Amino acid sequence: MHVSLVLALLLTFVQGDTFDKARKAYSNCIIDAMHAQLESEGTKEVFQTEANAKCTAQRAKYREAIITEELKYGASRKEAEEYADEEAEGLLAGWVDGFNDYKATNTRPTKER
């Protein structure tokens, strides 16, 4: 019985770790796209387009990790997909909203480890 509890906790940790890794990978990809646009004196709109184009694989993994977590907690597939889309879009939107601030202050965001 204790072994199954430990395994259950370990599985929860691994799944959470998978989610966190997917989120970090997507966020860091967005940051790379931001750095490139800030260095080239790009615009917020070009940054958003570039991030969408360059980070599709990371976004898909992040989205799937969210869906997996939501299904685990009882959401329907449709609800989980809608929530995942909102979260992925929200993550990008936060960076897009901050683009001009980074540009105006000549600063750069730091990648997550």
PDB file of N, CA and C in Angstrom:
ATOM      1  N   MET A   1       0.824  -1.189   0.000  1.00  0.00           N
ATOM      2  CA  MET A   1       0.000   0.000   0.000  1.00  0.00           C
ATOM      3  C   MET A   1       0.869   1.253   0.000  1.00  0.00           C
ATOM      4  N   HIS A   2       1.906   1.274   0.796  1.00  0.00           N
ATOM      5  CA  HIS A   2       2.781   2.434   0.833  1.00  0.00           C
ATOM      6  C   HIS A   2       3.501   2.628  -0.496  1.00  0.00           C
ATOM      7  N   VAL A   3       3.848   1.532  -1.135  1.00  0.00           N
ATOM      8  CA  VAL A   3       4.529   1.607  -2.421  1.00  0.00           C
ATOM      9  C   VAL A   3       3.611   2.246  -3.454  1.00  0.00           C
ATOM     10  N   SER A   4       2.324   1.880  -3.482  1.00  0.00           N
ATOM     11  CA  SER A   4       1.410   2.451  -4.465  1.00  0.00           C
ATOM     12  C   SER A   4       1.186   3.943  -4.203  1.00  0.00           C
ATOM     13  N   LEU A   5       1.176   4.349  -2.951  1.00  0.00           N
ATOM     14  CA  LEU A   5       1.046   5.769  -2.629  1.00  0.00           C
ATOM     15  C   LEU A   5       2.264   6.532  -3.128  1.00  0.00           C
ATOM     16  N   VAL A   6       3.431   5.995  -2.907  1.00  0.00           N
ATOM     17  CA  VAL A   6       4.665   6.626  -3.370  1.00  0.00           C
ATOM     18  C   VAL A   6       4.665   6.713  -4.894  1.00  0.00           C
ATOM     19  N   LEU A   7       4.249   5.652  -5.555  1.00  0.00           N
ATOM     20  CA  LEU A   7       4.192   5.670  -7.021  1.00  0.00           C
ATOM     21  C   LEU A   7       3.183   6.694  -7.523  1.00  0.00           C
ATOM     22  N   ALA A   8       2.048   6.787  -6.863  1.00  0.00           N
ATOM     23  CA  ALA A   8       1.035   7.776  -7.256  1.00  0.00           C
ATOM     24  C   ALA A   8       1.577   9.190  -7.104  1.00  0.00           C
ATOM     25  N   LEU A   9       2.252   9.444  -5.990  1.00  0.00           N
ATOM     26  CA  LEU A   9       2.838  10.771  -5.779  1.00  0.00           C
ATOM     27  C   LEU A   9       3.932  11.061  -6.795  1.00  0.00           C
ATOM     28  N   LEU A  10       4.731  10.076  -7.099  1.00  0.00           N
ATOM     29  CA  LEU A  10       5.790  10.237  -8.095  1.00  0.00           C
ATOM     30  C   LEU A  10       5.199  10.524  -9.459  1.00  0.00           C
ATOM     31  N   LEU A  11       4.139   9.818  -9.832  1.00  0.00           N
ATOM     32  CA  LEU A  11       3.490  10.039 -11.115  1.00  0.00           C
ATOM     33  C   LEU A  11       2.931  11.458 -11.185  1.00  0.00           C
ATOM     34  N   THR A  12       2.328  11.917 -10.105  1.00  0.00           N
ATOM     35  CA  THR A  12       1.809  13.285 -10.063  1.00  0.00           C
ATOM     36  C   THR A  12       2.942  14.285 -10.244  1.00  0.00           C
ATOM     37  N   PHE A  13       4.069  14.039  -9.581  1.00  0.00           N
ATOM     38  CA  PHE A  13       5.220  14.928  -9.711  1.00  0.00           C
ATOM     39  C   PHE A  13       5.740  14.935 -11.143  1.00  0.00           C
ATOM     40  N   VAL A  14       5.849  13.769 -11.751  1.00  0.00           N
ATOM     41  CA  VAL A  14       6.358  13.668 -13.125  1.00  0.00           C
ATOM     42  C   VAL A  14       5.420  14.374 -14.090  1.00  0.00           C
ATOM     43  N   GLN A  15       4.113  14.193 -13.911  1.00  0.00           N
ATOM     44  CA  GLN A  15       3.156  14.872 -14.786  1.00  0.00           C
ATOM     45  C   GLN A  15       3.255  16.383 -14.604  1.00  0.00           C
ATOM     46  N   GLY A  16       3.364  16.836 -13.361  1.00  0.00           N
ATOM     47  CA  GLY A  16       3.521  18.270 -13.108  1.00  0.00           C
ATOM     48  C   GLY A  16       4.808  18.791 -13.700  1.00  0.00           C
ATOM     49  N   ASP A  17       5.864  17.975 -13.602  1.00  0.00           N
ATOM     50  CA  ASP A  17       7.144  18.346 -14.174  1.00  0.00           C
ATOM     51  C   ASP A  17       7.043  18.458 -15.689  1.00  0.00           C
ATOM     52  N   THR A  18       6.297  17.547 -16.317  1.00  0.00           N
ATOM     53  CA  THR A  18       6.078  17.595 -17.762  1.00  0.00           C
ATOM     54  C   THR A  18       5.365  18.888 -18.144  1.00  0.00           C
ATOM     55  N   PHE A  19       4.338  19.243 -17.377  1.00  0.00           N
ATOM     56  CA  PHE A  19       3.606  20.484 -17.616  1.00  0.00           C
ATOM     57  C   PHE A  19       4.530  21.685 -17.482  1.00  0.00           C
ATOM     58  N   ASP A  20       5.306  21.723 -16.403  1.00  0.00           N
ATOM     59  CA  ASP A  20       6.192  22.855 -16.164  1.00  0.00           C
ATOM     60  C   ASP A  20       7.255  22.966 -17.254  1.00  0.00           C
ATOM     61  N   LYS A  21       7.802  21.836 -17.675  1.00  0.00           N
ATOM     62  CA  LYS A  21       8.795  21.858 -18.755  1.00  0.00           C
ATOM     63  C   LYS A  21       8.185  22.374 -20.051  1.00  0.00           C
ATOM     64  N   ALA A  22       6.961  21.965 -20.341  1.00  0.00           N
ATOM     65  CA  ALA A  22       6.288  22.426 -21.562  1.00  0.00           C
ATOM     66  C   ALA A  22       6.031  23.931 -21.507  1.00  0.00           C
ATOM     67  N   ARG A  23       5.602  24.412 -20.342  1.00  0.00           N
ATOM     68  CA  ARG A  23       5.349  25.853 -20.181  1.00  0.00           C
ATOM     69  C   ARG A  23       6.640  26.650 -20.343  1.00  0.00           C
ATOM     70  N   LYS A  24       7.697  26.175 -19.701  1.00  0.00           N
ATOM     71  CA  LYS A  24       8.985  26.868 -19.800  1.00  0.00           C
ATOM     72  C   LYS A  24       9.510  26.863 -21.231  1.00  0.00           C
ATOM     73  N   ALA A  25       9.383  25.740 -21.914  1.00  0.00           N
ATOM     74  CA  ALA A  25       9.869  25.656 -23.292  1.00  0.00           C
ATOM     75  C   ALA A  25       9.123  26.640 -24.189  1.00  0.00           C
ATOM     76  N   TYR A  26       7.818  26.725 -24.023  1.00  0.00           N
ATOM     77  CA  TYR A  26       7.030  27.668 -24.829  1.00  0.00           C
ATOM     78  C   TYR A  26       7.403  29.107 -24.476  1.00  0.00           C
ATOM     79  N   SER A  27       7.470  29.394 -23.193  1.00  0.00           N
ATOM     80  CA  SER A  27       7.819  30.741 -22.758  1.00  0.00           C
ATOM     81  C   SER A  27       9.215  31.141 -23.246  1.00  0.00           C
ATOM     82  N   ASN A  28      10.170  30.243 -23.126  1.00  0.00           N
ATOM     83  CA  ASN A  28      11.536  30.550 -23.559  1.00  0.00           C
ATOM     84  C   ASN A  28      11.636  30.728 -25.070  1.00  0.00           C
ATOM     85  N   CYS A  29      10.842  29.983 -25.811  1.00  0.00           N
ATOM     86  CA  CYS A  29      10.812  30.178 -27.257  1.00  0.00           C
ATOM     87  C   CYS A  29      10.284  31.576 -27.590  1.00  0.00           C
ATOM     88  N   ILE A  30       9.242  31.978 -26.892  1.00  0.00           N
ATOM     89  CA  ILE A  30       8.695  33.328 -27.082  1.00  0.00           C
ATOM     90  C   ILE A  30       9.751  34.375 -26.740  1.00  0.00           C
ATOM     91  N   ILE A  31      10.484  34.151 -25.666  1.00  0.00           N
ATOM     92  CA  ILE A  31      11.536  35.086 -25.265  1.00  0.00           C
ATOM     93  C   ILE A  31      12.620  35.167 -26.335  1.00  0.00           C
ATOM     94  N   ASP A  32      12.997  34.036 -26.916  1.00  0.00           N
ATOM     95  CA  ASP A  32      13.977  34.059 -28.020  1.00  0.00           C
ATOM     96  C   ASP A  32      13.467  34.901 -29.180  1.00  0.00           C
ATOM     97  N   ALA A  33      12.206  34.739 -29.515  1.00  0.00           N
ATOM     98  CA  ALA A  33      11.618  35.531 -30.601  1.00  0.00           C
ATOM     99  C   ALA A  33      11.602  37.013 -30.236  1.00  0.00           C
ATOM    100  N   MET A  34      11.334  37.298 -28.966  1.00  0.00           N
ATOM    101  CA  MET A  34      11.340  38.696 -28.523  1.00  0.00           C
ATOM    102  C   MET A  34      12.736  39.289 -28.624  1.00  0.00           C
ATOM    103  N   HIS A  35      13.726  38.553 -28.154  1.00  0.00           N
ATOM    104  CA  HIS A  35      15.112  39.044 -28.239  1.00  0.00           C
ATOM    105  C   HIS A  35      15.472  39.368 -29.684  1.00  0.00           C
ATOM    106  N   ALA A  36      15.121  38.485 -30.601  1.00  0.00           N
ATOM    107  CA  ALA A  36      15.443  38.707 -32.013  1.00  0.00           C
ATOM    108  C   ALA A  36      14.783  39.987 -32.531  1.00  0.00           C
ATOM    109  N   GLN A  37      13.541  40.204 -32.169  1.00  0.00           N
ATOM    110  CA  GLN A  37      12.847  41.403 -32.647  1.00  0.00           C
ATOM    111  C   GLN A  37      13.349  42.669 -31.960  1.00  0.00           C
ATOM    112  N   LEU A  38      13.697  42.569 -30.697  1.00  0.00           N
ATOM    113  CA  LEU A  38      14.254  43.741 -30.017  1.00  0.00           C
ATOM    114  C   LEU A  38      15.613  44.104 -30.603  1.00  0.00           C
ATOM    115  N   GLU A  39      16.414  43.108 -30.906  1.00  0.00           N
ATOM    116  CA  GLU A  39      17.733  43.371 -31.502  1.00  0.00           C
ATOM    117  C   GLU A  39      17.622  43.981 -32.898  1.00  0.00           C
ATOM    118  N   SER A  40      16.607  43.559 -33.634  1.00  0.00           N
ATOM    119  CA  SER A  40      16.451  44.062 -35.001  1.00  0.00           C
ATOM    120  C   SER A  40      15.535  45.282 -35.072  1.00  0.00           C
ATOM    121  N   GLU A  41      15.202  45.816 -33.889  1.00  0.00           N
ATOM    122  CA  GLU A  41      14.323  46.986 -33.808  1.00  0.00           C
ATOM    123  C   GLU A  41      12.961  46.698 -34.426  1.00  0.00           C
ATOM    124  N   GLY A  42      12.493  45.473 -34.264  1.00  0.00           N
ATOM    125  CA  GLY A  42      11.191  45.074 -34.791  1.00  0.00           C
ATOM    126  C   GLY A  42      10.043  45.686 -34.012  1.00  0.00           C
ATOM    127  N   THR A  43       8.849  45.381 -34.475  1.00  0.00           N
ATOM    128  CA  THR A  43       7.641  45.898 -33.829  1.00  0.00           C
ATOM    129  C   THR A  43       6.958  44.796 -33.032  1.00  0.00           C
ATOM    130  N   LYS A  44       6.050  45.219 -32.198  1.00  0.00           N
ATOM    131  CA  LYS A  44       5.266  44.282 -31.402  1.00  0.00           C
ATOM    132  C   LYS A  44       4.498  43.325 -32.311  1.00  0.00           C
ATOM    133  N   GLU A  45       3.962  43.833 -33.400  1.00  0.00           N
ATOM    134  CA  GLU A  45       3.185  43.004 -34.311  1.00  0.00           C
ATOM    135  C   GLU A  45       4.058  41.960 -35.011  1.00  0.00           C
ATOM    136  N   VAL A  46       5.249  42.369 -35.437  1.00  0.00           N
ATOM    137  CA  VAL A  46       6.165  41.421 -36.069  1.00  0.00           C
ATOM    138  C   VAL A  46       6.617  40.379 -35.046  1.00  0.00           C
ATOM    139  N   PHE A  47       6.874  40.824 -33.833  1.00  0.00           N
ATOM    140  CA  PHE A  47       7.245  39.886 -32.770  1.00  0.00           C
ATOM    141  C   PHE A  47       6.156  38.834 -32.580  1.00  0.00           C
ATOM    142  N   GLN A  48       4.903  39.252 -32.508  1.00  0.00           N
ATOM    143  CA  GLN A  48       3.814  38.303 -32.305  1.00  0.00           C
ATOM    144  C   GLN A  48       3.740  37.309 -33.463  1.00  0.00           C
ATOM    145  N   THR A  49       3.875  37.788 -34.676  1.00  0.00           N
ATOM    146  CA  THR A  49       3.851  36.914 -35.850  1.00  0.00           C
ATOM    147  C   THR A  49       5.009  35.930 -35.813  1.00  0.00           C
ATOM    148  N   GLU A  50       6.194  36.418 -35.488  1.00  0.00           N
ATOM    149  CA  GLU A  50       7.380  35.559 -35.425  1.00  0.00           C
ATOM    150  C   GLU A  50       7.266  34.525 -34.311  1.00  0.00           C
ATOM    151  N   ALA A  51       6.787  34.936 -33.166  1.00  0.00           N
ATOM    152  CA  ALA A  51       6.628  33.994 -32.047  1.00  0.00           C
ATOM    153  C   ALA A  51       5.629  32.902 -32.412  1.00  0.00           C
ATOM    154  N   ASN A  52       4.539  33.291 -33.053  1.00  0.00           N
ATOM    155  CA  ASN A  52       3.550  32.295 -33.483  1.00  0.00           C
ATOM    156  C   ASN A  52       4.157  31.320 -34.485  1.00  0.00           C
ATOM    157  N   ALA A  53       4.973  31.824 -35.388  1.00  0.00           N
ATOM    158  CA  ALA A  53       5.570  30.977 -36.424  1.00  0.00           C
ATOM    159  C   ALA A  53       6.671  30.074 -35.870  1.00  0.00           C
ATOM    160  N   LYS A  54       7.495  30.610 -34.989  1.00  0.00           N
ATOM    161  CA  LYS A  54       8.668  29.878 -34.506  1.00  0.00           C
ATOM    162  C   LYS A  54       8.390  28.953 -33.327  1.00  0.00           C
ATOM    163  N   CYS A  55       7.294  29.151 -32.650  1.00  0.00           N
ATOM    164  CA  CYS A  55       7.044  28.412 -31.412  1.00  0.00           C
ATOM    165  C   CYS A  55       5.859  27.453 -31.517  1.00  0.00           C
ATOM    166  N   THR A  56       5.512  27.025 -32.711  1.00  0.00           N
ATOM    167  CA  THR A  56       4.339  26.162 -32.862  1.00  0.00           C
ATOM    168  C   THR A  56       4.517  24.820 -32.155  1.00  0.00           C
ATOM    169  N   ALA A  57       5.685  24.225 -32.245  1.00  0.00           N
ATOM    170  CA  ALA A  57       5.900  22.921 -31.598  1.00  0.00           C
ATOM    171  C   ALA A  57       5.826  23.050 -30.079  1.00  0.00           C
ATOM    172  N   GLN A  58       6.440  24.099 -29.529  1.00  0.00           N
ATOM    173  CA  GLN A  58       6.424  24.296 -28.081  1.00  0.00           C
ATOM    174  C   GLN A  58       5.010  24.617 -27.594  1.00  0.00           C
ATOM    175  N   ARG A  59       4.293  25.415 -28.382  1.00  0.00           N
ATOM    176  CA  ARG A  59       2.906  25.738 -28.032  1.00  0.00           C
ATOM    177  C   ARG A  59       2.058  24.469 -28.025  1.00  0.00           C
ATOM    178  N   ALA A  60       2.252  23.617 -29.017  1.00  0.00           N
ATOM    179  CA  ALA A  60       1.469  22.371 -29.097  1.00  0.00           C
ATOM    180  C   ALA A  60       1.735  21.477 -27.889  1.00  0.00           C
ATOM    181  N   LYS A  61       2.991  21.382 -27.466  1.00  0.00           N
ATOM    182  CA  LYS A  61       3.319  20.561 -26.292  1.00  0.00           C
ATOM    183  C   LYS A  61       2.736  21.168 -25.021  1.00  0.00           C
ATOM    184  N   TYR A  62       2.794  22.475 -24.908  1.00  0.00           N
ATOM    185  CA  TYR A  62       2.217  23.162 -23.751  1.00  0.00           C
ATOM    186  C   TYR A  62       0.708  22.945 -23.724  1.00  0.00           C
ATOM    187  N   ARG A  63       0.073  23.111 -24.858  1.00  0.00           N
ATOM    188  CA  ARG A  63      -1.367  22.916 -24.981  1.00  0.00           C
ATOM    189  C   ARG A  63      -1.740  21.492 -24.575  1.00  0.00           C
ATOM    190  N   GLU A  64      -1.020  20.522 -25.075  1.00  0.00           N
ATOM    191  CA  GLU A  64      -1.315  19.118 -24.765  1.00  0.00           C
ATOM    192  C   GLU A  64      -1.102  18.824 -23.281  1.00  0.00           C
ATOM    193  N   ALA A  65      -0.093  19.428 -22.683  1.00  0.00           N
ATOM    194  CA  ALA A  65       0.139  19.245 -21.247  1.00  0.00           C
ATOM    195  C   ALA A  65      -1.026  19.807 -20.436  1.00  0.00           C
ATOM    196  N   ILE A  66      -1.541  20.937 -20.851  1.00  0.00           N
ATOM    197  CA  ILE A  66      -2.702  21.523 -20.158  1.00  0.00           C
ATOM    198  C   ILE A  66      -3.916  20.620 -20.317  1.00  0.00           C
ATOM    199  N   ILE A  67      -4.147  20.154 -21.525  1.00  0.00           N
ATOM    200  CA  ILE A  67      -5.289  19.275 -21.775  1.00  0.00           C
ATOM    201  C   ILE A  67      -5.198  18.025 -20.903  1.00  0.00           C
ATOM    202  N   THR A  68      -4.023  17.435 -20.842  1.00  0.00           N
ATOM    203  CA  THR A  68      -3.825  16.240 -20.020  1.00  0.00           C
ATOM    204  C   THR A  68      -4.167  16.511 -18.567  1.00  0.00           C
ATOM    205  N   GLU A  69      -3.688  17.630 -18.046  1.00  0.00           N
ATOM    206  CA  GLU A  69      -3.971  17.989 -16.651  1.00  0.00           C
ATOM    207  C   GLU A  69      -5.464  18.228 -16.437  1.00  0.00           C
ATOM    208  N   GLU A  70      -6.091  18.943 -17.354  1.00  0.00           N
ATOM    209  CA  GLU A  70      -7.516  19.249 -17.204  1.00  0.00           C
ATOM    210  C   GLU A  70      -8.375  17.990 -17.275  1.00  0.00           C
ATOM    211  N   LEU A  71      -8.036  17.086 -18.169  1.00  0.00           N
ATOM    212  CA  LEU A  71      -8.782  15.824 -18.268  1.00  0.00           C
ATOM    213  C   LEU A  71      -8.629  15.011 -16.995  1.00  0.00           C
ATOM    214  N   LYS A  72      -7.434  15.051 -16.440  1.00  0.00           N
ATOM    215  CA  LYS A  72      -7.169  14.328 -15.194  1.00  0.00           C
ATOM    216  C   LYS A  72      -8.070  14.831 -14.065  1.00  0.00           C
ATOM    217  N   TYR A  73      -8.404  16.107 -14.102  1.00  0.00           N
ATOM    218  CA  TYR A  73      -9.237  16.691 -13.052  1.00  0.00           C
ATOM    219  C   TYR A  73     -10.720  16.718 -13.409  1.00  0.00           C
ATOM    220  N   GLY A  74     -11.097  16.006 -14.493  1.00  0.00           N
ATOM    221  CA  GLY A  74     -12.513  15.816 -14.783  1.00  0.00           C
ATOM    222  C   GLY A  74     -13.132  16.725 -15.824  1.00  0.00           C
ATOM    223  N   ALA A  75     -12.355  17.560 -16.462  1.00  0.00           N
ATOM    224  CA  ALA A  75     -12.907  18.417 -17.508  1.00  0.00           C
ATOM    225  C   ALA A  75     -13.250  17.569 -18.731  1.00  0.00           C
ATOM    226  N   SER A  76     -14.212  18.035 -19.505  1.00  0.00           N
ATOM    227  CA  SER A  76     -14.493  17.374 -20.780  1.00  0.00           C
ATOM    228  C   SER A  76     -13.375  17.715 -21.754  1.00  0.00           C
ATOM    229  N   ARG A  77     -13.260  16.944 -22.816  1.00  0.00           N
ATOM    230  CA  ARG A  77     -12.223  17.211 -23.824  1.00  0.00           C
ATOM    231  C   ARG A  77     -12.391  18.626 -24.383  1.00  0.00           C
ATOM    232  N   LYS A  78     -13.618  19.017 -24.687  1.00  0.00           N
ATOM    233  CA  LYS A  78     -13.891  20.342 -25.248  1.00  0.00           C
ATOM    234  C   LYS A  78     -13.472  21.447 -24.268  1.00  0.00           C
ATOM    235  N   GLU A  79     -13.848  21.282 -22.998  1.00  0.00           N
ATOM    236  CA  GLU A  79     -13.468  22.267 -21.979  1.00  0.00           C
ATOM    237  C   GLU A  79     -11.954  22.349 -21.838  1.00  0.00           C
ATOM    238  N   ALA A  80     -11.316  21.190 -21.823  1.00  0.00           N
ATOM    239  CA  ALA A  80      -9.861  21.146 -21.673  1.00  0.00           C
ATOM    240  C   ALA A  80      -9.172  21.830 -22.854  1.00  0.00           C
ATOM    241  N   GLU A  81      -9.648  21.596 -24.056  1.00  0.00           N
ATOM    242  CA  GLU A  81      -9.054  22.218 -25.241  1.00  0.00           C
ATOM    243  C   GLU A  81      -9.260  23.724 -25.246  1.00  0.00           C
ATOM    244  N   GLU A  82     -10.458  24.161 -24.874  1.00  0.00           N
ATOM    245  CA  GLU A  82     -10.733  25.601 -24.816  1.00  0.00           C
ATOM    246  C   GLU A  82      -9.839  26.284 -23.779  1.00  0.00           C
ATOM    247  N   TYR A  83      -9.720  25.657 -22.628  1.00  0.00           N
ATOM    248  CA  TYR A  83      -8.884  26.220 -21.572  1.00  0.00           C
ATOM    249  C   TYR A  83      -7.424  26.257 -22.008  1.00  0.00           C
ATOM    250  N   ALA A  84      -6.963  25.184 -22.629  1.00  0.00           N
ATOM    251  CA  ALA A  84      -5.574  25.125 -23.099  1.00  0.00           C
ATOM    252  C   ALA A  84      -5.308  26.218 -24.132  1.00  0.00           C
ATOM    253  N   ASP A  85      -6.244  26.431 -25.035  1.00  0.00           N
ATOM    254  CA  ASP A  85      -6.076  27.492 -26.032  1.00  0.00           C
ATOM    255  C   ASP A  85      -6.007  28.865 -25.375  1.00  0.00           C
ATOM    256  N   GLU A  86      -6.876  29.087 -24.386  1.00  0.00           N
ATOM    257  CA  GLU A  86      -6.866  30.365 -23.662  1.00  0.00           C
ATOM    258  C   GLU A  86      -5.541  30.577 -22.938  1.00  0.00           C
ATOM    259  N   GLU A  87      -5.057  29.538 -22.282  1.00  0.00           N
ATOM    260  CA  GLU A  87      -3.800  29.646 -21.537  1.00  0.00           C
ATOM    261  C   GLU A  87      -2.605  29.888 -22.463  1.00  0.00           C
ATOM    262  N   ALA A  88      -2.542  29.163 -23.557  1.00  0.00           N
ATOM    263  CA  ALA A  88      -1.431  29.337 -24.503  1.00  0.00           C
ATOM    264  C   ALA A  88      -1.470  30.735 -25.115  1.00  0.00           C
ATOM    265  N   GLU A  89      -2.653  31.187 -25.467  1.00  0.00           N
ATOM    266  CA  GLU A  89      -2.785  32.527 -26.031  1.00  0.00           C
ATOM    267  C   GLU A  89      -2.455  33.582 -24.980  1.00  0.00           C
ATOM    268  N   GLY A  90      -2.879  33.344 -23.749  1.00  0.00           N
ATOM    269  CA  GLY A  90      -2.601  34.291 -22.666  1.00  0.00           C
ATOM    270  C   GLY A  90      -1.123  34.425 -22.373  1.00  0.00           C
ATOM    271  N   LEU A  91      -0.411  33.320 -22.444  1.00  0.00           N
ATOM    272  CA  LEU A  91       1.041  33.369 -22.222  1.00  0.00           C
ATOM    273  C   LEU A  91       1.711  34.242 -23.279  1.00  0.00           C
ATOM    274  N   LEU A  92       1.358  34.022 -24.524  1.00  0.00           N
ATOM    275  CA  LEU A  92       1.918  34.849 -25.596  1.00  0.00           C
ATOM    276  C   LEU A  92       1.483  36.304 -25.450  1.00  0.00           C
ATOM    277  N   ALA A  93       0.222  36.514 -25.154  1.00  0.00           N
ATOM    278  CA  ALA A  93      -0.305  37.881 -25.033  1.00  0.00           C
ATOM    279  C   ALA A  93       0.428  38.674 -23.953  1.00  0.00           C
ATOM    280  N   GLY A  94       0.782  38.020 -22.870  1.00  0.00           N
ATOM    281  CA  GLY A  94       1.533  38.710 -21.821  1.00  0.00           C
ATOM    282  C   GLY A  94       2.871  39.230 -22.317  1.00  0.00           C
ATOM    283  N   TRP A  95       3.553  38.417 -23.113  1.00  0.00           N
ATOM    284  CA  TRP A  95       4.840  38.850 -23.672  1.00  0.00           C
ATOM    285  C   TRP A  95       4.638  39.922 -24.735  1.00  0.00           C
ATOM    286  N   VAL A  96       3.604  39.784 -25.535  1.00  0.00           N
ATOM    287  CA  VAL A  96       3.323  40.789 -26.560  1.00  0.00           C
ATOM    288  C   VAL A  96       3.018  42.128 -25.901  1.00  0.00           C
ATOM    289  N   ASP A  97       2.215  42.101 -24.841  1.00  0.00           N
ATOM    290  CA  ASP A  97       1.873  43.337 -24.131  1.00  0.00           C
ATOM    291  C   ASP A  97       3.114  44.027 -23.560  1.00  0.00           C
ATOM    292  N   GLY A  98       4.105  43.248 -23.151  1.00  0.00           N
ATOM    293  CA  GLY A  98       5.306  43.832 -22.563  1.00  0.00           C
ATOM    294  C   GLY A  98       6.383  44.233 -23.557  1.00  0.00           C
ATOM    295  N   PHE A  99       6.195  43.907 -24.820  1.00  0.00           N
ATOM    296  CA  PHE A  99       7.235  44.147 -25.825  1.00  0.00           C
ATOM    297  C   PHE A  99       7.693  45.600 -25.863  1.00  0.00           C
ATOM    298  N   ASN A 100       6.754  46.519 -25.948  1.00  0.00           N
ATOM    299  CA  ASN A 100       7.136  47.937 -26.071  1.00  0.00           C
ATOM    300  C   ASN A 100       7.834  48.461 -24.827  1.00  0.00           C
ATOM    301  N   ASP A 101       7.511  47.911 -23.663  1.00  0.00           N
ATOM    302  CA  ASP A 101       8.206  48.312 -22.438  1.00  0.00           C
ATOM    303  C   ASP A 101       9.674  47.893 -22.497  1.00  0.00           C
ATOM    304  N   TYR A 102       9.916  46.654 -22.932  1.00  0.00           N
ATOM    305  CA  TYR A 102      11.304  46.202 -23.086  1.00  0.00           C
ATOM    306  C   TYR A 102      12.034  47.065 -24.111  1.00  0.00           C
ATOM    307  N   LYS A 103      11.350  47.374 -25.189  1.00  0.00           N
ATOM    308  CA  LYS A 103      11.963  48.185 -26.252  1.00  0.00           C
ATOM    309  C   LYS A 103      12.288  49.595 -25.746  1.00  0.00           C
ATOM    310  N   ALA A 104      11.351  50.193 -25.021  1.00  0.00           N
ATOM    311  CA  ALA A 104      11.531  51.564 -24.536  1.00  0.00           C
ATOM    312  C   ALA A 104      12.649  51.670 -23.505  1.00  0.00           C
ATOM    313  N   THR A 105      12.843  50.624 -22.727  1.00  0.00           N
ATOM    314  CA  THR A 105      13.855  50.668 -21.671  1.00  0.00           C
ATOM    315  C   THR A 105      15.158  49.982 -22.085  1.00  0.00           C
ATOM    316  N   ASN A 106      15.183  49.480 -23.310  1.00  0.00           N
ATOM    317  CA  ASN A 106      16.355  48.768 -23.831  1.00  0.00           C
ATOM    318  C   ASN A 106      16.798  47.643 -22.886  1.00  0.00           C
ATOM    319  N   THR A 107      15.803  46.907 -22.408  1.00  0.00           N
ATOM    320  CA  THR A 107      16.063  45.753 -21.550  1.00  0.00           C
ATOM    321  C   THR A 107      15.584  44.481 -22.247  1.00  0.00           C
ATOM    322  N   ARG A 108      15.933  43.350 -21.679  1.00  0.00           N
ATOM    323  CA  ARG A 108      15.567  42.055 -22.275  1.00  0.00           C
ATOM    324  C   ARG A 108      15.028  41.140 -21.183  1.00  0.00           C
ATOM    325  N   PRO A 109      14.006  40.364 -21.513  1.00  0.00           N
ATOM    326  CA  PRO A 109      13.528  39.384 -20.539  1.00  0.00           C
ATOM    327  C   PRO A 109      14.515  38.251 -20.379  1.00  0.00           C
ATOM    328  N   THR A 110      14.465  37.603 -19.258  1.00  0.00           N
ATOM    329  CA  THR A 110      15.364  36.498 -18.950  1.00  0.00           C
ATOM    330  C   THR A 110      14.625  35.176 -19.108  1.00  0.00           C
ATOM    331  N   LYS A 111      15.288  34.222 -19.698  1.00  0.00           N
ATOM    332  CA  LYS A 111      14.694  32.895 -19.866  1.00  0.00           C
ATOM    333  C   LYS A 111      14.566  32.202 -18.509  1.00  0.00           C
ATOM    334  N   GLU A 112      13.555  31.330 -18.436  1.00  0.00           N
ATOM    335  CA  GLU A 112      13.389  30.501 -17.246  1.00  0.00           C
ATOM    336  C   GLU A 112      14.317  29.309 -17.338  1.00  0.00           C
ATOM    337  N   ARG A 113      14.731  28.815 -16.199  1.00  0.00           N
ATOM    338  CA  ARG A 113      15.583  27.612 -16.157  1.00  0.00           C
ATOM    339  C   ARG A 113      14.760  26.424 -15.763  1.00  0.00           C
TER     340      ARG A 113
END
